[in-house]
Amino acid sequence: MAHAGVVLVNRKGEVLMQHRDNNPDIINPDHWAYIAGQKEEGDENYEQTAKRELKEETSYVAEQLYPLLEEDFIRSDGVKIRRHIFWAVYDDRQKINCFEGQEMVFLKLEELENKKILSDHKRICHLAIQEAKNKGLI
């Protein structure tokens, strides 16, 4: 199984996080996560998957995605996936909507410590912020 995700960072050094639905039928209900989803048949590549998920869940259209990491990962339900994570810088123009989950919020990295979030998502958000700083984009 293959997934792709995107960490959207703003110029204040915050990351867009989705507060997942509190539905026991989904994986990690009521947790906070970056935008991600499964690669679909029509997706040409993982970057397209990440862009599609971002648009479907927030209506945001990223002009540029930067590769962050590619790794094997075992989800909390025991399923092994190959995930491809990208990052992008928020353009401060497009509205962020919430079409999936309870809410979409830009959070400071320190605020992640007080949220119900998978530890690897914290690590990945920190990596995205560091990459954006290294490129001088935030």
Protein backbone atom coordinates (compact mmCIF):
# COMPACT_ATOMS: atom_id res chain seq x y z
CA MET A 1 0.00 0.00 0.00
CA ALA A 2 1.34 3.45 -0.90
CA HIS A 3 0.44 6.82 0.56
CA ALA A 4 1.48 10.41 -0.04
CA GLY A 5 1.21 13.43 2.16
CA VAL A 6 2.08 17.09 2.31
CA VAL A 7 3.11 19.35 5.17
CA LEU A 8 1.98 22.88 4.35
CA VAL A 9 4.07 25.47 6.23
CA ASN A 10 3.39 29.17 6.55
CA ARG A 11 5.88 32.02 6.80
CA LYS A 12 5.43 32.11 10.60
CA GLY A 13 6.90 28.61 10.85
CA GLU A 14 3.58 26.91 11.54
CA VAL A 15 2.27 23.71 9.94
CA LEU A 16 -1.24 23.00 8.69
CA MET A 17 -2.75 20.18 10.70
CA GLN A 18 -6.02 18.33 10.28
CA HIS A 19 -7.98 17.36 13.38
CA ARG A 20 -9.30 13.99 12.24
CA ASP A 21 -12.91 12.96 12.76
CA ASN A 22 -13.70 11.24 16.05
CA ASN A 23 -15.04 8.19 14.25
CA PRO A 24 -13.96 4.78 15.62
CA ASP A 25 -14.19 3.32 12.10
CA ILE A 26 -11.19 5.32 10.82
CA ILE A 27 -7.53 4.92 11.68
CA ASN A 28 -6.35 7.28 14.44
CA PRO A 29 -9.69 8.95 15.20
CA ASP A 30 -9.59 12.34 16.94
CA HIS A 31 -5.84 12.69 16.23
CA TRP A 32 -4.04 15.59 14.56
CA ALA A 33 -2.20 14.87 11.31
CA TYR A 34 -0.73 16.49 8.23
CA ILE A 35 -2.68 16.03 4.98
CA ALA A 36 -2.22 12.56 3.49
CA GLY A 37 -3.99 9.82 1.64
CA GLN A 38 -3.71 6.73 -0.49
CA LYS A 39 -2.40 6.77 -4.06
CA GLU A 40 -5.29 6.24 -6.45
CA GLU A 41 -5.29 4.53 -9.82
CA GLY A 42 -5.48 7.78 -11.82
CA ASP A 43 -2.56 9.43 -10.01
CA GLU A 44 0.53 9.62 -12.24
CA ASN A 45 2.95 9.84 -9.31
CA TYR A 46 3.16 10.49 -5.58
CA GLU A 47 3.50 14.25 -5.99
CA GLN A 48 0.18 14.24 -7.84
CA THR A 49 -1.34 12.16 -5.03
CA ALA A 50 -0.13 14.69 -2.44
CA LYS A 51 -1.46 17.65 -4.46
CA ARG A 52 -4.81 15.90 -4.98
CA GLU A 53 -5.20 15.10 -1.28
CA LEU A 54 -4.35 18.69 -0.31
CA LYS A 55 -6.90 20.07 -2.76
CA GLU A 56 -9.62 17.54 -1.83
CA GLU A 57 -9.28 18.11 1.90
CA THR A 58 -8.62 21.89 1.95
CA SER A 59 -9.28 23.30 -1.57
CA TYR A 60 -5.70 24.61 -1.50
CA VAL A 61 -3.73 24.25 -4.73
CA ALA A 62 0.01 24.09 -4.13
CA GLU A 63 2.15 25.54 -6.92
CA GLN A 64 5.34 23.81 -5.77
CA LEU A 65 5.86 20.68 -3.70
CA TYR A 66 9.28 19.74 -2.37
CA PRO A 67 10.16 16.11 -1.58
CA LEU A 68 10.73 15.57 2.15
CA LEU A 69 11.06 11.82 2.66
CA GLU A 70 10.14 8.39 1.38
CA GLU A 71 9.99 5.53 3.84
CA ASP A 72 8.33 2.32 4.89
CA PHE A 73 6.04 2.78 7.86
CA ILE A 74 3.84 0.51 9.96
CA ARG A 75 0.57 2.20 10.87
CA SER A 76 -1.08 1.85 14.28
CA ASP A 77 -3.37 -0.83 12.80
CA GLY A 78 -0.33 -2.92 11.81
CA VAL A 79 -0.57 -2.24 8.06
CA LYS A 80 2.79 -1.61 6.36
CA ILE A 81 2.77 1.27 3.88
CA ARG A 82 5.29 3.08 1.71
CA ARG A 83 4.81 6.78 2.27
CA HIS A 84 6.03 9.69 0.20
CA ILE A 85 5.92 13.00 2.07
CA PHE A 86 6.29 16.45 0.51
CA TRP A 87 6.21 19.97 1.88
CA ALA A 88 5.04 23.30 0.47
CA VAL A 89 4.88 26.93 1.56
CA TYR A 90 1.45 28.50 2.05
CA ASP A 91 0.93 31.44 -0.33
CA ASP A 92 -1.10 33.57 2.15
CA ARG A 93 -3.73 34.08 -0.57
CA GLN A 94 -5.85 30.96 -0.93
CA LYS A 95 -8.41 30.15 1.71
CA ILE A 96 -7.92 26.91 3.63
CA ASN A 97 -11.18 24.98 3.92
CA CYS A 98 -11.93 21.88 5.94
CA PHE A 99 -13.59 19.24 3.76
CA GLU A 100 -12.39 16.29 5.85
CA GLY A 101 -11.98 16.03 9.60
CA GLN A 102 -13.12 18.36 12.37
CA GLU A 103 -10.88 21.32 11.52
CA MET A 104 -7.76 22.52 9.70
CA VAL A 105 -5.45 24.77 11.70
CA PHE A 106 -1.95 26.17 11.35
CA LEU A 107 -0.07 25.21 14.52
CA LYS A 108 3.33 26.13 15.93
CA LEU A 109 5.64 23.18 16.44
CA GLU A 110 5.42 23.65 20.20
CA GLU A 111 1.63 23.34 20.03
CA LEU A 112 1.97 19.83 18.60
CA GLU A 113 3.24 18.70 22.00
CA ASN A 114 -0.19 19.32 23.53
CA LYS A 115 -2.14 17.57 20.76
CA LYS A 116 -3.10 13.94 20.26
CA ILE A 117 -0.72 13.32 17.37
CA LEU A 118 1.40 10.41 16.25
CA SER A 119 5.02 10.96 17.25
CA ASP A 120 6.28 10.41 13.70
CA HIS A 121 4.03 13.25 12.49
CA LYS A 122 5.80 15.59 14.92
CA ARG A 123 9.15 14.48 13.51
CA ILE A 124 7.99 15.01 9.94
CA CYS A 125 6.57 18.46 10.70
CA HIS A 126 9.89 19.45 12.29
CA LEU A 127 11.73 18.21 9.17
CA ALA A 128 9.46 20.24 6.89
CA ILE A 129 10.03 23.44 8.86
CA GLN A 130 13.78 22.84 8.85
CA GLU A 131 13.79 22.29 5.08
CA ALA A 132 11.79 25.49 4.52
CA LYS A 133 14.26 27.42 6.70
CA ASN A 134 17.23 25.86 4.88
CA LYS A 135 15.81 27.04 1.56
CA GLY A 136 15.18 30.53 2.99
CA LEU A 137 11.44 30.26 2.28
CA ILE A 138 10.32 30.99 5.84
